[in-house]
Amino acid sequence: MNPRGYFSPRATIHHSGLKLGGRIFIDDHVIIYRYGEGGPVNLGNSVSLHRGCIIQTGAGGSLTVGPDTHIQPGCIFSAFLSPIVIGSGVQVAPKCAFYPYDHGVAPDIPISKQPLRTKGGIVVGDGAWLGVGVIVLDGVRIGKGAVIGAGSVVTHDVPEGAIAAGNPARVLRMRGDSTGKTDGTV
């Protein structure tokens, strides 16, 4: 490790819009790829991308990851149509996926030929923690300090400081609330 960081010789980077802070860690088999008119990828100081993470940007998509954020093995950031913004000090467990778009489902047209559509970008607030295998979909904002339980599918906003889980994810309680009471909204 040096002031610039560590870049595994087994990582694959094909992205002319990649901007890096200092002390970046890019592990083996990380892929950072730009499709056509894909937007930039900005990684802040001390960001860690562990083994097998995939970052791809396409038309209208971009990725920004704030400082001191750690992304564990096997995560996917597929930024098409809308941006993905991950705050500082965020902890992303293995095998999480971020998709700020969806495919249409019109009848009599194969899914592979459906146009992409979006409800908007994805924002994950500073200090949030996402458990193993969380999927975050388009138009979602996860608040500062929120915790998302393993295996959850986040389809709606999660407030700051909330603990949410399930498919679809719903608020179980607020951090620090030992009563477990919530209004159930996400």
N, C-alpha and C. Protein backbone atom coordinates (compact mmCIF):
# COMPACT_ATOMS: atom_id res chain seq x y z
N MET A 1 0.85 -1.18 0.00
CA MET A 1 0.00 0.00 0.00
C MET A 1 0.90 1.23 0.00
N ASN A 2 0.55 2.21 -0.79
CA ASN A 2 1.29 3.47 -0.83
C ASN A 2 0.26 4.59 -0.92
N PRO A 3 0.67 5.86 -0.97
CA PRO A 3 -0.33 6.94 -1.00
C PRO A 3 -1.34 6.82 -2.14
N ARG A 4 -0.94 6.23 -3.26
CA ARG A 4 -1.86 6.05 -4.38
C ARG A 4 -2.82 4.89 -4.11
N GLY A 5 -2.32 3.85 -3.42
CA GLY A 5 -3.16 2.70 -3.11
C GLY A 5 -2.59 1.41 -3.66
N TYR A 6 -3.44 0.39 -3.72
CA TYR A 6 -3.05 -0.91 -4.25
C TYR A 6 -4.03 -1.29 -5.35
N PHE A 7 -3.48 -1.69 -6.51
CA PHE A 7 -4.28 -2.14 -7.64
C PHE A 7 -3.77 -3.50 -8.05
N SER A 8 -4.59 -4.52 -7.87
CA SER A 8 -4.17 -5.87 -8.24
C SER A 8 -3.90 -5.95 -9.74
N PRO A 9 -2.82 -6.64 -10.11
CA PRO A 9 -2.58 -6.85 -11.54
C PRO A 9 -3.63 -7.77 -12.16
N ARG A 10 -4.45 -8.40 -11.32
CA ARG A 10 -5.52 -9.27 -11.82
C ARG A 10 -6.87 -8.56 -11.88
N ALA A 11 -6.89 -7.25 -11.68
CA ALA A 11 -8.11 -6.45 -11.87
C ALA A 11 -8.18 -6.06 -13.35
N THR A 12 -9.41 -5.82 -13.83
CA THR A 12 -9.62 -5.39 -15.22
C THR A 12 -10.29 -4.03 -15.20
N ILE A 13 -9.61 -3.04 -15.76
CA ILE A 13 -10.16 -1.69 -15.78
C ILE A 13 -10.16 -1.19 -17.22
N HIS A 14 -11.38 -0.97 -17.75
CA HIS A 14 -11.60 -0.43 -19.09
C HIS A 14 -12.60 0.70 -18.95
N HIS A 15 -12.14 1.81 -18.37
CA HIS A 15 -13.05 2.92 -18.11
C HIS A 15 -12.28 4.23 -18.18
N SER A 16 -12.51 5.00 -19.23
CA SER A 16 -11.77 6.25 -19.41
C SER A 16 -12.25 7.35 -18.47
N GLY A 17 -13.38 7.17 -17.80
CA GLY A 17 -13.91 8.16 -16.88
C GLY A 17 -13.68 7.83 -15.42
N LEU A 18 -12.66 7.00 -15.12
CA LEU A 18 -12.39 6.59 -13.75
C LEU A 18 -11.54 7.65 -13.05
N LYS A 19 -12.03 8.13 -11.89
CA LYS A 19 -11.31 9.11 -11.08
C LYS A 19 -11.11 8.51 -9.70
N LEU A 20 -9.85 8.54 -9.23
CA LEU A 20 -9.50 7.86 -7.99
C LEU A 20 -8.95 8.81 -6.95
N GLY A 21 -9.40 8.64 -5.70
CA GLY A 21 -8.79 9.32 -4.57
C GLY A 21 -7.51 8.60 -4.19
N GLY A 22 -6.95 8.93 -3.05
CA GLY A 22 -5.75 8.28 -2.56
C GLY A 22 -6.07 7.04 -1.75
N ARG A 23 -5.06 6.19 -1.60
CA ARG A 23 -5.14 4.99 -0.78
C ARG A 23 -6.29 4.06 -1.17
N ILE A 24 -6.56 3.96 -2.46
CA ILE A 24 -7.60 3.06 -2.99
C ILE A 24 -7.10 1.62 -2.94
N PHE A 25 -7.99 0.68 -2.63
CA PHE A 25 -7.66 -0.74 -2.68
C PHE A 25 -8.55 -1.39 -3.72
N ILE A 26 -7.95 -1.95 -4.78
CA ILE A 26 -8.69 -2.68 -5.81
C ILE A 26 -8.11 -4.08 -5.87
N ASP A 27 -8.91 -5.05 -5.48
CA ASP A 27 -8.50 -6.44 -5.28
C ASP A 27 -8.52 -7.23 -6.60
N ASP A 28 -8.12 -8.49 -6.50
CA ASP A 28 -8.14 -9.41 -7.65
C ASP A 28 -9.54 -9.51 -8.25
N HIS A 29 -9.57 -9.60 -9.55
CA HIS A 29 -10.78 -9.89 -10.32
C HIS A 29 -11.87 -8.81 -10.20
N VAL A 30 -11.51 -7.63 -9.75
CA VAL A 30 -12.44 -6.49 -9.83
C VAL A 30 -12.51 -6.07 -11.28
N ILE A 31 -13.71 -5.75 -11.76
CA ILE A 31 -13.90 -5.27 -13.13
C ILE A 31 -14.57 -3.90 -13.07
N ILE A 32 -13.97 -2.93 -13.74
CA ILE A 32 -14.56 -1.59 -13.87
C ILE A 32 -14.63 -1.32 -15.36
N TYR A 33 -15.87 -1.20 -15.88
CA TYR A 33 -16.09 -1.18 -17.32
C TYR A 33 -17.06 -0.08 -17.71
N ARG A 34 -16.79 0.55 -18.84
CA ARG A 34 -17.66 1.59 -19.38
C ARG A 34 -18.23 1.12 -20.72
N TYR A 35 -19.57 1.09 -20.79
CA TYR A 35 -20.26 0.78 -22.05
C TYR A 35 -20.52 2.08 -22.79
N GLY A 36 -20.11 2.19 -24.04
CA GLY A 36 -20.43 3.33 -24.89
C GLY A 36 -20.31 4.67 -24.20
N GLU A 37 -21.46 5.32 -24.00
CA GLU A 37 -21.53 6.67 -23.41
C GLU A 37 -21.71 6.65 -21.90
N GLY A 38 -21.27 5.61 -21.26
CA GLY A 38 -21.39 5.51 -19.81
C GLY A 38 -20.71 6.66 -19.09
N GLY A 39 -21.28 7.03 -17.96
CA GLY A 39 -20.76 8.14 -17.18
C GLY A 39 -19.57 7.75 -16.33
N PRO A 40 -19.07 8.70 -15.55
CA PRO A 40 -17.85 8.48 -14.78
C PRO A 40 -18.04 7.56 -13.57
N VAL A 41 -16.91 7.07 -13.09
CA VAL A 41 -16.81 6.36 -11.83
C VAL A 41 -15.83 7.15 -10.97
N ASN A 42 -16.29 7.63 -9.81
CA ASN A 42 -15.47 8.41 -8.89
C ASN A 42 -15.35 7.66 -7.57
N LEU A 43 -14.13 7.28 -7.22
CA LEU A 43 -13.88 6.57 -5.97
C LEU A 43 -13.11 7.49 -5.04
N GLY A 44 -13.67 7.78 -3.86
CA GLY A 44 -13.04 8.68 -2.89
C GLY A 44 -11.85 8.05 -2.19
N ASN A 45 -11.19 8.81 -1.35
CA ASN A 45 -10.04 8.33 -0.58
C ASN A 45 -10.39 7.11 0.25
N SER A 46 -9.47 6.16 0.28
CA SER A 46 -9.56 4.97 1.13
C SER A 46 -10.77 4.10 0.84
N VAL A 47 -11.21 4.07 -0.42
CA VAL A 47 -12.28 3.14 -0.83
C VAL A 47 -11.65 1.78 -1.09
N SER A 48 -12.32 0.72 -0.64
CA SER A 48 -11.86 -0.65 -0.87
C SER A 48 -12.88 -1.39 -1.73
N LEU A 49 -12.41 -1.95 -2.83
CA LEU A 49 -13.22 -2.82 -3.69
C LEU A 49 -12.60 -4.20 -3.61
N HIS A 50 -13.29 -5.12 -2.97
CA HIS A 50 -12.73 -6.45 -2.75
C HIS A 50 -13.03 -7.39 -3.91
N ARG A 51 -12.39 -8.53 -3.85
CA ARG A 51 -12.36 -9.54 -4.91
C ARG A 51 -13.70 -9.73 -5.63
N GLY A 52 -13.64 -9.65 -6.96
CA GLY A 52 -14.78 -9.99 -7.79
C GLY A 52 -15.88 -8.95 -7.89
N CYS A 53 -15.66 -7.74 -7.42
CA CYS A 53 -16.68 -6.69 -7.59
C CYS A 53 -16.74 -6.27 -9.05
N ILE A 54 -17.93 -5.93 -9.51
CA ILE A 54 -18.12 -5.48 -10.89
C ILE A 54 -18.78 -4.11 -10.85
N ILE A 55 -18.17 -3.17 -11.56
CA ILE A 55 -18.74 -1.82 -11.73
C ILE A 55 -18.86 -1.60 -13.23
N GLN A 56 -20.07 -1.27 -13.67
CA GLN A 56 -20.27 -0.95 -15.08
C GLN A 56 -21.17 0.27 -15.21
N THR A 57 -20.80 1.17 -16.12
CA THR A 57 -21.65 2.33 -16.38
C THR A 57 -22.04 2.33 -17.85
N GLY A 58 -23.29 2.70 -18.09
CA GLY A 58 -23.80 2.83 -19.44
C GLY A 58 -24.46 4.19 -19.57
N ALA A 59 -25.08 4.45 -20.69
CA ALA A 59 -25.69 5.76 -20.98
C ALA A 59 -26.55 6.23 -19.83
N GLY A 60 -26.27 7.45 -19.36
CA GLY A 60 -27.04 8.06 -18.27
C GLY A 60 -26.64 7.63 -16.88
N GLY A 61 -25.76 6.64 -16.77
CA GLY A 61 -25.38 6.12 -15.46
C GLY A 61 -24.00 6.57 -15.04
N SER A 62 -23.80 6.64 -13.73
CA SER A 62 -22.50 6.96 -13.16
C SER A 62 -22.45 6.36 -11.76
N LEU A 63 -21.24 6.30 -11.19
CA LEU A 63 -21.08 5.79 -9.84
C LEU A 63 -20.14 6.71 -9.09
N THR A 64 -20.56 7.12 -7.88
CA THR A 64 -19.72 7.87 -6.96
C THR A 64 -19.70 7.12 -5.64
N VAL A 65 -18.50 6.86 -5.12
CA VAL A 65 -18.34 6.18 -3.85
C VAL A 65 -17.53 7.09 -2.94
N GLY A 66 -18.10 7.44 -1.78
CA GLY A 66 -17.45 8.35 -0.85
C GLY A 66 -16.30 7.73 -0.11
N PRO A 67 -15.49 8.57 0.55
CA PRO A 67 -14.31 8.10 1.27
C PRO A 67 -14.63 7.09 2.37
N ASP A 68 -13.64 6.23 2.61
CA ASP A 68 -13.70 5.24 3.70
C ASP A 68 -14.86 4.26 3.57
N THR A 69 -15.30 4.02 2.36
CA THR A 69 -16.35 3.04 2.11
C THR A 69 -15.71 1.72 1.72
N HIS A 70 -16.25 0.62 2.24
CA HIS A 70 -15.70 -0.71 1.99
C HIS A 70 -16.76 -1.58 1.31
N ILE A 71 -16.41 -2.09 0.16
CA ILE A 71 -17.31 -2.91 -0.64
C ILE A 71 -16.71 -4.31 -0.70
N GLN A 72 -17.40 -5.26 -0.10
CA GLN A 72 -16.89 -6.61 0.06
C GLN A 72 -17.05 -7.43 -1.23
N PRO A 73 -16.51 -8.66 -1.26
CA PRO A 73 -16.45 -9.44 -2.50
C PRO A 73 -17.80 -9.68 -3.18
N GLY A 74 -17.74 -9.69 -4.50
CA GLY A 74 -18.87 -10.11 -5.33
C GLY A 74 -20.00 -9.12 -5.49
N CYS A 75 -19.78 -7.85 -5.17
CA CYS A 75 -20.84 -6.85 -5.34
C CYS A 75 -20.91 -6.36 -6.78
N ILE A 76 -22.11 -5.95 -7.21
CA ILE A 76 -22.34 -5.46 -8.58
C ILE A 76 -22.98 -4.09 -8.52
N PHE A 77 -22.39 -3.15 -9.26
CA PHE A 77 -22.94 -1.81 -9.45
C PHE A 77 -23.16 -1.65 -10.95
N SER A 78 -24.40 -1.70 -11.39
CA SER A 78 -24.73 -1.64 -12.81
C SER A 78 -25.47 -0.34 -13.08
N ALA A 79 -24.71 0.73 -13.33
CA ALA A 79 -25.27 2.08 -13.43
C ALA A 79 -25.62 2.42 -14.87
N PHE A 80 -26.88 2.22 -15.21
CA PHE A 80 -27.43 2.60 -16.51
C PHE A 80 -28.63 3.51 -16.26
N LEU A 81 -28.81 4.51 -17.08
CA LEU A 81 -29.93 5.46 -17.08
C LEU A 81 -29.90 6.46 -15.93
N SER A 82 -29.43 6.08 -14.75
CA SER A 82 -29.43 6.95 -13.57
C SER A 82 -28.18 6.68 -12.73
N PRO A 83 -27.80 7.64 -11.90
CA PRO A 83 -26.58 7.47 -11.10
C PRO A 83 -26.79 6.61 -9.86
N ILE A 84 -25.67 6.09 -9.37
CA ILE A 84 -25.59 5.44 -8.07
C ILE A 84 -24.62 6.28 -7.25
N VAL A 85 -25.05 6.70 -6.05
CA VAL A 85 -24.20 7.50 -5.17
C VAL A 85 -24.14 6.79 -3.82
N ILE A 86 -22.94 6.39 -3.44
CA ILE A 86 -22.71 5.72 -2.16
C ILE A 86 -21.94 6.71 -1.28
N GLY A 87 -22.42 6.97 -0.08
CA GLY A 87 -21.82 7.96 0.81
C GLY A 87 -20.49 7.52 1.40
N SER A 88 -20.03 8.27 2.38
CA SER A 88 -18.76 7.95 3.04
C SER A 88 -19.01 7.03 4.23
N GLY A 89 -18.00 6.20 4.52
CA GLY A 89 -18.08 5.30 5.65
C GLY A 89 -19.15 4.24 5.54
N VAL A 90 -19.56 3.91 4.32
CA VAL A 90 -20.59 2.89 4.10
C VAL A 90 -19.94 1.51 4.09
N GLN A 91 -20.62 0.54 4.67
CA GLN A 91 -20.16 -0.85 4.68
C GLN A 91 -21.13 -1.67 3.84
N VAL A 92 -20.62 -2.26 2.76
CA VAL A 92 -21.43 -3.07 1.86
C VAL A 92 -20.91 -4.51 1.94
N ALA A 93 -21.73 -5.40 2.48
CA ALA A 93 -21.34 -6.80 2.66
C ALA A 93 -21.25 -7.52 1.31
N PRO A 94 -20.73 -8.75 1.28
CA PRO A 94 -20.59 -9.48 0.02
C PRO A 94 -21.91 -9.68 -0.72
N LYS A 95 -21.77 -9.73 -2.04
CA LYS A 95 -22.84 -10.11 -2.97
C LYS A 95 -24.04 -9.18 -2.98
N CYS A 96 -23.82 -7.90 -2.70
CA CYS A 96 -24.90 -6.92 -2.85
C CYS A 96 -24.96 -6.45 -4.30
N ALA A 97 -26.13 -5.99 -4.74
CA ALA A 97 -26.30 -5.55 -6.13
C ALA A 97 -27.13 -4.27 -6.17
N PHE A 98 -26.75 -3.38 -7.09
CA PHE A 98 -27.38 -2.06 -7.23
C PHE A 98 -27.78 -1.88 -8.69
N TYR A 99 -29.09 -1.67 -8.93
CA TYR A 99 -29.62 -1.53 -10.29
C TYR A 99 -30.56 -0.33 -10.36
N PRO A 100 -30.10 0.83 -10.88
CA PRO A 100 -30.98 1.99 -10.98
C PRO A 100 -31.83 1.99 -12.26
N TYR A 101 -32.23 0.82 -12.69
CA TYR A 101 -33.06 0.68 -13.89
C TYR A 101 -33.81 -0.64 -13.82
N ASP A 102 -34.73 -0.81 -14.75
CA ASP A 102 -35.52 -2.03 -14.84
C ASP A 102 -35.82 -2.26 -16.32
N HIS A 103 -36.24 -3.45 -16.67
CA HIS A 103 -36.68 -3.75 -18.03
C HIS A 103 -38.19 -3.61 -18.10
N GLY A 104 -38.70 -3.22 -19.25
CA GLY A 104 -40.13 -3.23 -19.48
C GLY A 104 -40.65 -4.66 -19.49
N VAL A 105 -41.97 -4.81 -19.41
CA VAL A 105 -42.58 -6.15 -19.41
C VAL A 105 -43.78 -6.22 -20.36
N ALA A 106 -43.73 -5.42 -21.42
CA ALA A 106 -44.85 -5.42 -22.39
C ALA A 106 -45.05 -6.83 -22.96
N PRO A 107 -46.31 -7.21 -23.18
CA PRO A 107 -46.57 -8.54 -23.72
C PRO A 107 -46.08 -8.66 -25.17
N ASP A 108 -45.83 -9.88 -25.59
CA ASP A 108 -45.45 -10.21 -26.97
C ASP A 108 -44.11 -9.62 -27.40
N ILE A 109 -43.29 -9.15 -26.46
CA ILE A 109 -41.94 -8.68 -26.76
C ILE A 109 -41.00 -9.41 -25.81
N PRO A 110 -39.99 -10.10 -26.34
CA PRO A 110 -39.06 -10.78 -25.44
C PRO A 110 -38.42 -9.80 -24.45
N ILE A 111 -38.20 -10.26 -23.24
CA ILE A 111 -37.62 -9.39 -22.21
C ILE A 111 -36.31 -8.79 -22.69
N SER A 112 -35.50 -9.54 -23.41
CA SER A 112 -34.21 -9.02 -23.89
C SER A 112 -34.37 -7.85 -24.86
N LYS A 113 -35.56 -7.66 -25.42
CA LYS A 113 -35.80 -6.56 -26.36
C LYS A 113 -36.59 -5.41 -25.72
N GLN A 114 -36.96 -5.57 -24.47
CA GLN A 114 -37.70 -4.52 -23.76
C GLN A 114 -36.77 -3.33 -23.50
N PRO A 115 -37.27 -2.12 -23.62
CA PRO A 115 -36.42 -0.96 -23.31
C PRO A 115 -36.19 -0.86 -21.80
N LEU A 116 -35.01 -0.31 -21.44
CA LEU A 116 -34.74 -0.05 -20.04
C LEU A 116 -35.55 1.17 -19.60
N ARG A 117 -35.90 1.21 -18.32
CA ARG A 117 -36.62 2.35 -17.76
C ARG A 117 -36.12 2.56 -16.33
N THR A 118 -36.38 3.73 -15.77
CA THR A 118 -35.90 4.02 -14.42
C THR A 118 -36.87 4.91 -13.66
N LYS A 119 -36.91 4.73 -12.35
CA LYS A 119 -37.65 5.63 -11.45
C LYS A 119 -36.69 6.63 -10.83
N GLY A 120 -35.41 6.55 -11.20
CA GLY A 120 -34.40 7.46 -10.67
C GLY A 120 -33.21 6.71 -10.11
N GLY A 121 -32.24 7.47 -9.65
CA GLY A 121 -31.00 6.91 -9.16
C GLY A 121 -31.13 6.27 -7.79
N ILE A 122 -29.99 5.78 -7.32
CA ILE A 122 -29.87 5.16 -6.00
C ILE A 122 -28.92 6.02 -5.19
N VAL A 123 -29.31 6.31 -3.94
CA VAL A 123 -28.44 7.03 -3.00
C VAL A 123 -28.38 6.25 -1.70
N VAL A 124 -27.15 6.00 -1.24
CA VAL A 124 -26.94 5.35 0.06
C VAL A 124 -26.21 6.35 0.94
N GLY A 125 -26.83 6.75 2.05
CA GLY A 125 -26.29 7.78 2.92
C GLY A 125 -25.05 7.35 3.69
N ASP A 126 -24.33 8.34 4.18
CA ASP A 126 -23.11 8.12 4.96
C ASP A 126 -23.37 7.15 6.12
N GLY A 127 -22.40 6.26 6.34
CA GLY A 127 -22.45 5.39 7.50
C GLY A 127 -23.48 4.28 7.46
N ALA A 128 -24.13 4.08 6.33
CA ALA A 128 -25.11 2.99 6.22
C ALA A 128 -24.39 1.65 6.17
N TRP A 129 -25.11 0.59 6.47
CA TRP A 129 -24.56 -0.76 6.43
C TRP A 129 -25.56 -1.66 5.73
N LEU A 130 -25.10 -2.36 4.69
CA LEU A 130 -25.94 -3.29 3.94
C LEU A 130 -25.42 -4.69 4.16
N GLY A 131 -26.30 -5.59 4.63
CA GLY A 131 -25.93 -6.98 4.90
C GLY A 131 -25.73 -7.78 3.63
N VAL A 132 -25.31 -9.01 3.79
CA VAL A 132 -25.00 -9.91 2.67
C VAL A 132 -26.19 -10.04 1.72
N GLY A 133 -25.93 -9.91 0.43
CA GLY A 133 -26.92 -10.19 -0.59
C GLY A 133 -28.04 -9.19 -0.74
N VAL A 134 -27.89 -7.98 -0.24
CA VAL A 134 -28.93 -6.95 -0.39
C VAL A 134 -28.99 -6.51 -1.85
N ILE A 135 -30.20 -6.32 -2.36
CA ILE A 135 -30.43 -5.79 -3.71
C ILE A 135 -31.13 -4.45 -3.55
N VAL A 136 -30.57 -3.42 -4.19
CA VAL A 136 -31.15 -2.07 -4.14
C VAL A 136 -31.58 -1.70 -5.55
N LEU A 137 -32.86 -1.32 -5.70
CA LEU A 137 -33.43 -1.04 -7.02
C LEU A 137 -33.62 0.45 -7.26
N ASP A 138 -34.01 0.80 -8.45
CA ASP A 138 -34.09 2.19 -8.92
C ASP A 138 -35.00 3.06 -8.08
N GLY A 139 -34.58 4.34 -7.97
CA GLY A 139 -35.38 5.33 -7.28
C GLY A 139 -35.32 5.27 -5.77
N VAL A 140 -34.34 4.55 -5.20
CA VAL A 140 -34.29 4.33 -3.76
C VAL A 140 -33.23 5.21 -3.10
N ARG A 141 -33.59 5.75 -1.93
CA ARG A 141 -32.65 6.48 -1.07
C ARG A 141 -32.61 5.75 0.27
N ILE A 142 -31.41 5.31 0.66
CA ILE A 142 -31.20 4.70 1.97
C ILE A 142 -30.54 5.77 2.83
N GLY A 143 -31.18 6.11 3.94
CA GLY A 143 -30.74 7.21 4.78
C GLY A 143 -29.44 6.97 5.51
N LYS A 144 -28.86 8.05 5.97
CA LYS A 144 -27.63 8.05 6.74
C LYS A 144 -27.77 7.11 7.94
N GLY A 145 -26.78 6.22 8.12
CA GLY A 145 -26.74 5.35 9.28
C GLY A 145 -27.77 4.22 9.28
N ALA A 146 -28.49 4.04 8.19
CA ALA A 146 -29.48 2.95 8.12
C ALA A 146 -28.78 1.60 8.03
N VAL A 147 -29.47 0.56 8.47
CA VAL A 147 -28.98 -0.81 8.41
C VAL A 147 -29.99 -1.62 7.61
N ILE A 148 -29.50 -2.35 6.60
CA ILE A 148 -30.37 -3.18 5.77
C ILE A 148 -29.98 -4.64 6.01
N GLY A 149 -30.94 -5.46 6.43
CA GLY A 149 -30.69 -6.85 6.76
C GLY A 149 -30.33 -7.70 5.56
N ALA A 150 -29.57 -8.76 5.81
CA ALA A 150 -29.11 -9.68 4.78
C ALA A 150 -30.27 -10.18 3.93
N GLY A 151 -30.04 -10.26 2.62
CA GLY A 151 -31.02 -10.82 1.69
C GLY A 151 -32.19 -9.92 1.37
N SER A 152 -32.18 -8.69 1.83
CA SER A 152 -33.31 -7.77 1.59
C SER A 152 -33.31 -7.25 0.16
N VAL A 153 -34.51 -6.91 -0.32
CA VAL A 153 -34.68 -6.24 -1.61
C VAL A 153 -35.29 -4.88 -1.31
N VAL A 154 -34.50 -3.82 -1.57
CA VAL A 154 -34.92 -2.47 -1.21
C VAL A 154 -35.57 -1.82 -2.43
N THR A 155 -36.90 -1.60 -2.33
CA THR A 155 -37.67 -1.04 -3.44
C THR A 155 -38.23 0.35 -3.11
N HIS A 156 -38.12 0.77 -1.84
CA HIS A 156 -38.61 2.08 -1.39
C HIS A 156 -37.57 2.71 -0.47
N ASP A 157 -37.69 4.00 -0.26
CA ASP A 157 -36.75 4.71 0.60
C ASP A 157 -36.75 4.13 2.01
N VAL A 158 -35.56 4.19 2.63
CA VAL A 158 -35.38 3.78 4.02
C VAL A 158 -34.89 5.01 4.78
N PRO A 159 -35.58 5.42 5.85
CA PRO A 159 -35.19 6.64 6.55
C PRO A 159 -33.84 6.53 7.26
N GLU A 160 -33.29 7.68 7.54
CA GLU A 160 -32.05 7.79 8.30
C GLU A 160 -32.18 7.04 9.63
N GLY A 161 -31.17 6.23 9.96
CA GLY A 161 -31.14 5.54 11.25
C GLY A 161 -32.08 4.37 11.39
N ALA A 162 -32.72 3.95 10.30
CA ALA A 162 -33.68 2.83 10.38
C ALA A 162 -32.97 1.49 10.22
N ILE A 163 -33.60 0.45 10.75
CA ILE A 163 -33.19 -0.93 10.50
C ILE A 163 -34.32 -1.53 9.68
N ALA A 164 -33.98 -1.97 8.45
CA ALA A 164 -34.99 -2.51 7.55
C ALA A 164 -34.55 -3.87 7.04
N ALA A 165 -35.52 -4.73 6.73
CA ALA A 165 -35.22 -6.05 6.21
C ALA A 165 -36.43 -6.59 5.49
N GLY A 166 -36.19 -7.60 4.65
CA GLY A 166 -37.28 -8.32 3.99
C GLY A 166 -37.31 -8.09 2.50
N ASN A 167 -38.30 -8.75 1.87
CA ASN A 167 -38.52 -8.64 0.43
C ASN A 167 -40.01 -8.43 0.19
N PRO A 168 -40.41 -7.17 -0.04
CA PRO A 168 -39.59 -5.96 -0.08
C PRO A 168 -39.20 -5.54 1.34
N ALA A 169 -38.08 -4.81 1.42
CA ALA A 169 -37.60 -4.35 2.73
C ALA A 169 -38.62 -3.41 3.37
N ARG A 170 -38.78 -3.56 4.68
CA ARG A 170 -39.63 -2.64 5.44
C ARG A 170 -38.92 -2.31 6.73
N VAL A 171 -39.23 -1.16 7.29
CA VAL A 171 -38.59 -0.73 8.52
C VAL A 171 -39.06 -1.60 9.67
N LEU A 172 -38.11 -2.17 10.41
CA LEU A 172 -38.43 -2.98 11.59
C LEU A 172 -38.41 -2.14 12.85
N ARG A 173 -37.43 -1.25 12.92
CA ARG A 173 -37.31 -0.32 14.04
C ARG A 173 -36.23 0.70 13.71
N MET A 174 -36.07 1.65 14.60
CA MET A 174 -35.01 2.64 14.46
C MET A 174 -33.83 2.22 15.33
N ARG A 175 -32.62 2.54 14.87
CA ARG A 175 -31.44 2.22 15.68
C ARG A 175 -31.57 2.89 17.04
N GLY A 176 -31.27 2.16 18.09
CA GLY A 176 -31.38 2.71 19.43
C GLY A 176 -32.74 2.52 20.06
N ASP A 177 -33.74 2.08 19.27
CA ASP A 177 -35.09 1.86 19.80
C ASP A 177 -35.19 0.40 20.23
N SER A 178 -35.23 0.17 21.52
CA SER A 178 -35.28 -1.21 22.01
C SER A 178 -36.71 -1.76 22.05
N THR A 179 -37.71 -0.91 21.78
CA THR A 179 -39.11 -1.38 21.84
C THR A 179 -39.50 -2.15 20.59
N GLY A 180 -38.76 -1.91 19.48
CA GLY A 180 -39.10 -2.59 18.23
C GLY A 180 -40.31 -2.00 17.53
N LYS A 181 -40.86 -0.89 18.05
CA LYS A 181 -42.05 -0.29 17.43
C LYS A 181 -41.67 0.50 16.19
N THR A 182 -42.50 0.40 15.20
CA THR A 182 -42.35 1.17 13.96
C THR A 182 -43.71 1.33 13.33
N ASP A 183 -43.82 2.27 12.44
CA ASP A 183 -45.10 2.43 11.74
C ASP A 183 -45.16 1.55 10.50
N GLY A 184 -44.03 0.82 10.20
CA GLY A 184 -44.03 -0.13 9.09
C GLY A 184 -43.80 0.47 7.74
N THR A 185 -43.69 1.78 7.64
CA THR A 185 -43.47 2.40 6.33
C THR A 185 -42.00 2.37 5.97
N VAL A 186 -41.76 2.30 4.70
CA VAL A 186 -40.39 2.36 4.20
C VAL A 186 -40.29 3.49 3.23
